[in-house]
Amino acid sequence: MTGLTVIVTTPDRVRFRAGLTLAIAQRALGGRVRLYCHEASVALLTQALRDDDDSAALASAGLPDRQGLIAMAQANGVTLIACQTGMAMMGLAMDGLADGVEAGGMMGLLADLGDDRLVTV
């Protein structure tokens, strides 16, 4: 099956959620999936609560919050990659990101793209 690489381009929680949902669905179908958070969007991979987290609203609808969706993606084999430049820009270290997140760059991502579909959100 053709793989999928998703690039999250902004720190928008709604786009991030859509990207993770797409990644989990593709993974459930059996394809390789990588989700790359570019520059400022690496903040979405942090363990810390964010001002725009909507955990209560999601919980009332029976849906996982941002951190729960990250855990679900990882449990299903989605590779999560944080932009190294973005980490430097935001002063983030690996220990501030969700467990299991990898650091990487756009060039490495594209060099390993192969026949993957490429989606930006």
N, C-alpha and C. Protein backbone atom coordinates (compact mmCIF):
# COMPACT_ATOMS: atom_id res chain seq x y z
N MET A 1 0.84 -1.18 0.00
CA MET A 1 0.00 0.00 0.00
C MET A 1 0.88 1.25 0.00
N THR A 2 0.46 2.24 -0.72
CA THR A 2 1.18 3.51 -0.77
C THR A 2 1.15 4.17 0.60
N GLY A 3 2.30 4.70 1.01
CA GLY A 3 2.39 5.38 2.29
C GLY A 3 1.84 6.80 2.22
N LEU A 4 1.82 7.45 3.37
CA LEU A 4 1.30 8.81 3.48
C LEU A 4 2.23 9.62 4.37
N THR A 5 2.61 10.79 3.90
CA THR A 5 3.37 11.74 4.71
C THR A 5 2.54 13.00 4.82
N VAL A 6 2.26 13.40 6.06
CA VAL A 6 1.45 14.59 6.34
C VAL A 6 2.37 15.65 6.91
N ILE A 7 2.32 16.86 6.34
CA ILE A 7 3.08 17.99 6.87
C ILE A 7 2.09 18.97 7.49
N VAL A 8 2.26 19.21 8.79
CA VAL A 8 1.44 20.19 9.50
C VAL A 8 2.20 21.52 9.40
N THR A 9 1.59 22.51 8.77
CA THR A 9 2.31 23.74 8.43
C THR A 9 2.16 24.88 9.44
N THR A 10 1.13 24.82 10.28
CA THR A 10 0.90 25.90 11.25
C THR A 10 0.54 25.30 12.60
N PRO A 11 0.63 26.08 13.68
CA PRO A 11 0.28 25.56 15.00
C PRO A 11 -1.23 25.58 15.28
N ASP A 12 -2.02 25.40 14.25
CA ASP A 12 -3.48 25.41 14.38
C ASP A 12 -3.96 24.04 14.88
N ARG A 13 -4.63 24.02 16.03
CA ARG A 13 -5.04 22.75 16.64
C ARG A 13 -6.04 21.98 15.79
N VAL A 14 -6.90 22.69 15.05
CA VAL A 14 -7.91 22.02 14.23
C VAL A 14 -7.25 21.31 13.05
N ARG A 15 -6.31 21.97 12.40
CA ARG A 15 -5.58 21.34 11.29
C ARG A 15 -4.74 20.16 11.79
N PHE A 16 -4.13 20.34 12.96
CA PHE A 16 -3.33 19.27 13.55
C PHE A 16 -4.21 18.05 13.81
N ARG A 17 -5.37 18.28 14.38
CA ARG A 17 -6.31 17.20 14.66
C ARG A 17 -6.72 16.48 13.37
N ALA A 18 -6.99 17.26 12.32
CA ALA A 18 -7.35 16.67 11.03
C ALA A 18 -6.20 15.84 10.48
N GLY A 19 -4.98 16.36 10.59
CA GLY A 19 -3.81 15.63 10.11
C GLY A 19 -3.60 14.32 10.86
N LEU A 20 -3.75 14.37 12.19
CA LEU A 20 -3.61 13.15 12.99
C LEU A 20 -4.70 12.14 12.66
N THR A 21 -5.92 12.62 12.48
CA THR A 21 -7.03 11.73 12.14
C THR A 21 -6.79 11.06 10.79
N LEU A 22 -6.33 11.83 9.83
CA LEU A 22 -5.99 11.28 8.51
C LEU A 22 -4.89 10.23 8.64
N ALA A 23 -3.88 10.54 9.44
CA ALA A 23 -2.75 9.62 9.64
C ALA A 23 -3.21 8.31 10.28
N ILE A 24 -4.05 8.40 11.29
CA ILE A 24 -4.54 7.20 11.98
C ILE A 24 -5.38 6.36 11.03
N ALA A 25 -6.22 7.00 10.23
CA ALA A 25 -7.06 6.27 9.28
C ALA A 25 -6.20 5.54 8.25
N GLN A 26 -5.18 6.21 7.72
CA GLN A 26 -4.29 5.58 6.74
C GLN A 26 -3.55 4.40 7.36
N ARG A 27 -3.12 4.59 8.59
CA ARG A 27 -2.39 3.52 9.28
C ARG A 27 -3.30 2.31 9.50
N ALA A 28 -4.57 2.57 9.82
CA ALA A 28 -5.54 1.48 10.01
C ALA A 28 -5.73 0.68 8.73
N LEU A 29 -5.53 1.33 7.60
CA LEU A 29 -5.64 0.65 6.30
C LEU A 29 -4.36 -0.09 5.92
N GLY A 30 -3.31 0.07 6.74
CA GLY A 30 -2.10 -0.71 6.54
C GLY A 30 -0.93 0.00 5.90
N GLY A 31 -1.05 1.28 5.63
CA GLY A 31 0.05 2.01 4.99
C GLY A 31 1.00 2.65 5.99
N ARG A 32 2.22 2.90 5.55
CA ARG A 32 3.20 3.63 6.36
C ARG A 32 2.72 5.07 6.47
N VAL A 33 2.86 5.66 7.66
CA VAL A 33 2.42 7.04 7.85
C VAL A 33 3.44 7.79 8.70
N ARG A 34 3.78 9.00 8.20
CA ARG A 34 4.62 9.93 8.97
C ARG A 34 3.89 11.26 9.04
N LEU A 35 3.92 11.88 10.21
CA LEU A 35 3.34 13.21 10.38
C LEU A 35 4.47 14.12 10.85
N TYR A 36 4.75 15.14 10.05
CA TYR A 36 5.86 16.07 10.30
C TYR A 36 5.29 17.42 10.69
N CYS A 37 5.68 17.91 11.87
CA CYS A 37 5.25 19.24 12.31
C CYS A 37 6.34 20.24 11.97
N HIS A 38 6.02 21.16 11.06
CA HIS A 38 6.98 22.13 10.54
C HIS A 38 7.01 23.39 11.39
N GLU A 39 8.21 23.87 11.66
CA GLU A 39 8.48 25.11 12.39
C GLU A 39 7.57 25.28 13.61
N ALA A 40 6.74 26.32 13.67
CA ALA A 40 5.97 26.62 14.88
C ALA A 40 4.96 25.53 15.25
N SER A 41 4.61 24.67 14.30
CA SER A 41 3.64 23.62 14.62
C SER A 41 4.22 22.55 15.56
N VAL A 42 5.54 22.56 15.79
CA VAL A 42 6.10 21.60 16.75
C VAL A 42 5.51 21.80 18.14
N ALA A 43 5.01 23.00 18.43
CA ALA A 43 4.39 23.26 19.73
C ALA A 43 3.20 22.33 19.98
N LEU A 44 2.60 21.82 18.92
CA LEU A 44 1.46 20.91 19.07
C LEU A 44 1.89 19.53 19.56
N LEU A 45 3.18 19.23 19.48
CA LEU A 45 3.69 17.95 19.94
C LEU A 45 4.20 17.99 21.38
N THR A 46 4.06 19.13 22.05
CA THR A 46 4.54 19.23 23.42
C THR A 46 3.63 18.49 24.38
N GLN A 47 4.19 18.15 25.53
CA GLN A 47 3.42 17.51 26.59
C GLN A 47 2.60 18.53 27.36
N ALA A 48 3.00 19.78 27.30
CA ALA A 48 2.35 20.83 28.08
C ALA A 48 0.96 21.15 27.55
N LEU A 49 0.10 21.57 28.46
CA LEU A 49 -1.21 22.07 28.05
C LEU A 49 -1.02 23.38 27.31
N ARG A 50 -1.90 23.63 26.36
CA ARG A 50 -1.84 24.87 25.58
C ARG A 50 -3.08 25.69 25.88
N ASP A 51 -2.98 26.99 25.65
CA ASP A 51 -4.12 27.88 25.88
C ASP A 51 -5.32 27.50 25.01
N ASP A 52 -5.06 26.94 23.85
CA ASP A 52 -6.16 26.60 22.93
C ASP A 52 -6.61 25.14 23.02
N ASP A 53 -6.11 24.41 24.02
CA ASP A 53 -6.58 23.03 24.18
C ASP A 53 -8.07 23.03 24.49
N ASP A 54 -8.78 22.14 23.86
CA ASP A 54 -10.23 22.07 24.05
C ASP A 54 -10.63 20.71 24.61
N SER A 55 -9.87 20.26 25.60
CA SER A 55 -10.06 18.93 26.17
C SER A 55 -11.46 18.71 26.70
N ALA A 56 -12.02 19.69 27.41
CA ALA A 56 -13.35 19.52 28.00
C ALA A 56 -14.42 19.34 26.93
N ALA A 57 -14.37 20.16 25.90
CA ALA A 57 -15.36 20.06 24.82
C ALA A 57 -15.24 18.73 24.09
N LEU A 58 -14.02 18.30 23.85
CA LEU A 58 -13.82 17.02 23.17
C LEU A 58 -14.28 15.86 24.04
N ALA A 59 -13.96 15.92 25.34
CA ALA A 59 -14.37 14.85 26.25
C ALA A 59 -15.89 14.74 26.32
N SER A 60 -16.57 15.88 26.31
CA SER A 60 -18.04 15.84 26.38
C SER A 60 -18.64 15.20 25.12
N ALA A 61 -17.88 15.21 24.04
CA ALA A 61 -18.33 14.57 22.79
C ALA A 61 -17.79 13.15 22.66
N GLY A 62 -17.05 12.70 23.69
CA GLY A 62 -16.49 11.35 23.66
C GLY A 62 -15.26 11.20 22.78
N LEU A 63 -14.57 12.32 22.54
CA LEU A 63 -13.40 12.31 21.66
C LEU A 63 -12.12 12.54 22.46
N PRO A 64 -11.00 11.99 21.99
CA PRO A 64 -9.73 12.22 22.68
C PRO A 64 -9.24 13.65 22.47
N ASP A 65 -8.55 14.18 23.47
CA ASP A 65 -7.95 15.51 23.33
C ASP A 65 -6.65 15.39 22.54
N ARG A 66 -5.94 16.51 22.40
CA ARG A 66 -4.71 16.55 21.60
C ARG A 66 -3.71 15.49 22.06
N GLN A 67 -3.46 15.43 23.36
CA GLN A 67 -2.49 14.47 23.86
C GLN A 67 -2.98 13.03 23.70
N GLY A 68 -4.28 12.82 23.85
CA GLY A 68 -4.85 11.49 23.65
C GLY A 68 -4.76 11.05 22.20
N LEU A 69 -4.97 11.99 21.29
CA LEU A 69 -4.89 11.67 19.86
C LEU A 69 -3.44 11.38 19.45
N ILE A 70 -2.49 12.11 20.04
CA ILE A 70 -1.07 11.82 19.80
C ILE A 70 -0.76 10.40 20.25
N ALA A 71 -1.21 10.04 21.45
CA ALA A 71 -0.97 8.69 21.99
C ALA A 71 -1.62 7.63 21.10
N MET A 72 -2.82 7.91 20.62
CA MET A 72 -3.53 6.98 19.74
C MET A 72 -2.76 6.79 18.43
N ALA A 73 -2.26 7.88 17.87
CA ALA A 73 -1.49 7.80 16.63
C ALA A 73 -0.25 6.94 16.83
N GLN A 74 0.46 7.20 17.92
CA GLN A 74 1.68 6.44 18.17
C GLN A 74 1.39 4.96 18.42
N ALA A 75 0.31 4.68 19.15
CA ALA A 75 -0.06 3.29 19.42
C ALA A 75 -0.39 2.54 18.14
N ASN A 76 -0.82 3.27 17.13
CA ASN A 76 -1.17 2.66 15.85
C ASN A 76 -0.02 2.67 14.85
N GLY A 77 1.15 3.16 15.26
CA GLY A 77 2.32 3.09 14.40
C GLY A 77 2.59 4.30 13.53
N VAL A 78 1.93 5.43 13.82
CA VAL A 78 2.21 6.67 13.08
C VAL A 78 3.53 7.24 13.61
N THR A 79 4.44 7.56 12.73
CA THR A 79 5.70 8.20 13.12
C THR A 79 5.47 9.70 13.20
N LEU A 80 5.76 10.28 14.37
CA LEU A 80 5.61 11.73 14.58
C LEU A 80 6.99 12.37 14.57
N ILE A 81 7.15 13.39 13.74
CA ILE A 81 8.45 14.03 13.55
C ILE A 81 8.34 15.52 13.84
N ALA A 82 9.23 16.03 14.68
CA ALA A 82 9.28 17.45 15.00
C ALA A 82 10.40 18.11 14.21
N CYS A 83 10.10 19.22 13.57
CA CYS A 83 11.07 19.99 12.80
C CYS A 83 12.18 20.49 13.73
N GLN A 84 13.41 20.16 13.39
CA GLN A 84 14.54 20.59 14.21
C GLN A 84 14.69 22.11 14.23
N THR A 85 14.44 22.75 13.11
CA THR A 85 14.51 24.21 13.05
C THR A 85 13.44 24.81 13.94
N GLY A 86 12.24 24.27 13.87
CA GLY A 86 11.15 24.75 14.71
C GLY A 86 11.45 24.58 16.19
N MET A 87 12.06 23.46 16.54
CA MET A 87 12.43 23.24 17.94
C MET A 87 13.41 24.30 18.40
N ALA A 88 14.39 24.61 17.56
CA ALA A 88 15.38 25.63 17.90
C ALA A 88 14.73 27.01 18.00
N MET A 89 13.84 27.32 17.06
CA MET A 89 13.16 28.62 17.07
C MET A 89 12.34 28.81 18.34
N MET A 90 11.74 27.73 18.83
CA MET A 90 10.84 27.81 19.97
C MET A 90 11.53 27.46 21.28
N GLY A 91 12.81 27.12 21.22
CA GLY A 91 13.53 26.76 22.43
C GLY A 91 13.05 25.46 23.06
N LEU A 92 12.61 24.52 22.23
CA LEU A 92 12.11 23.24 22.72
C LEU A 92 13.20 22.18 22.66
N ALA A 93 13.21 21.32 23.66
CA ALA A 93 14.10 20.17 23.68
C ALA A 93 13.26 18.91 23.53
N MET A 94 13.89 17.81 23.18
CA MET A 94 13.17 16.55 22.98
C MET A 94 12.37 16.14 24.22
N ASP A 95 12.92 16.40 25.41
CA ASP A 95 12.20 15.98 26.62
C ASP A 95 10.94 16.80 26.88
N GLY A 96 10.73 17.87 26.13
CA GLY A 96 9.50 18.65 26.25
C GLY A 96 8.41 18.18 25.30
N LEU A 97 8.77 17.27 24.40
CA LEU A 97 7.81 16.75 23.43
C LEU A 97 7.21 15.44 23.93
N ALA A 98 6.10 15.05 23.35
CA ALA A 98 5.47 13.78 23.71
C ALA A 98 6.48 12.65 23.52
N ASP A 99 6.41 11.66 24.38
CA ASP A 99 7.31 10.52 24.27
C ASP A 99 7.20 9.88 22.89
N GLY A 100 8.34 9.50 22.34
CA GLY A 100 8.35 8.81 21.06
C GLY A 100 8.44 9.70 19.83
N VAL A 101 8.32 11.02 20.02
CA VAL A 101 8.45 11.93 18.88
C VAL A 101 9.90 11.95 18.43
N GLU A 102 10.12 11.94 17.12
CA GLU A 102 11.46 12.00 16.56
C GLU A 102 11.74 13.41 16.07
N ALA A 103 13.01 13.80 16.04
CA ALA A 103 13.41 15.07 15.45
C ALA A 103 13.85 14.81 14.02
N GLY A 104 13.55 15.76 13.13
CA GLY A 104 13.95 15.60 11.74
C GLY A 104 13.84 16.90 10.99
N GLY A 105 14.17 16.85 9.73
CA GLY A 105 14.12 18.03 8.89
C GLY A 105 13.39 17.77 7.58
N MET A 106 13.04 18.84 6.92
CA MET A 106 12.30 18.75 5.66
C MET A 106 13.09 17.98 4.59
N MET A 107 14.40 18.24 4.51
CA MET A 107 15.20 17.55 3.49
C MET A 107 15.20 16.05 3.71
N GLY A 108 15.39 15.62 4.94
CA GLY A 108 15.37 14.20 5.24
C GLY A 108 14.01 13.58 4.97
N LEU A 109 12.96 14.33 5.30
CA LEU A 109 11.60 13.86 5.06
C LEU A 109 11.37 13.61 3.57
N LEU A 110 11.75 14.59 2.75
CA LEU A 110 11.54 14.47 1.31
C LEU A 110 12.47 13.43 0.68
N ALA A 111 13.69 13.32 1.21
CA ALA A 111 14.64 12.34 0.67
C ALA A 111 14.12 10.92 0.86
N ASP A 112 13.32 10.72 1.90
CA ASP A 112 12.79 9.39 2.21
C ASP A 112 11.32 9.25 1.80
N LEU A 113 10.82 10.18 0.98
CA LEU A 113 9.41 10.19 0.60
C LEU A 113 9.03 8.98 -0.25
N GLY A 114 9.91 8.60 -1.15
CA GLY A 114 9.60 7.47 -2.02
C GLY A 114 8.29 7.69 -2.77
N ASP A 115 7.41 6.70 -2.72
CA ASP A 115 6.11 6.79 -3.40
C ASP A 115 4.99 7.25 -2.48
N ASP A 116 5.33 7.72 -1.28
CA ASP A 116 4.30 8.20 -0.35
C ASP A 116 3.48 9.32 -0.98
N ARG A 117 2.23 9.38 -0.61
CA ARG A 117 1.42 10.57 -0.91
C ARG A 117 1.88 11.65 0.04
N LEU A 118 1.88 12.89 -0.41
CA LEU A 118 2.29 14.02 0.42
C LEU A 118 1.11 14.95 0.58
N VAL A 119 0.74 15.20 1.85
CA VAL A 119 -0.41 16.05 2.16
C VAL A 119 0.05 17.14 3.12
N THR A 120 -0.38 18.37 2.89
CA THR A 120 -0.12 19.44 3.85
C THR A 120 -1.45 19.89 4.45
N VAL A 121 -1.40 20.15 5.76
CA VAL A 121 -2.58 20.67 6.46
C VAL A 121 -2.19 21.88 7.27
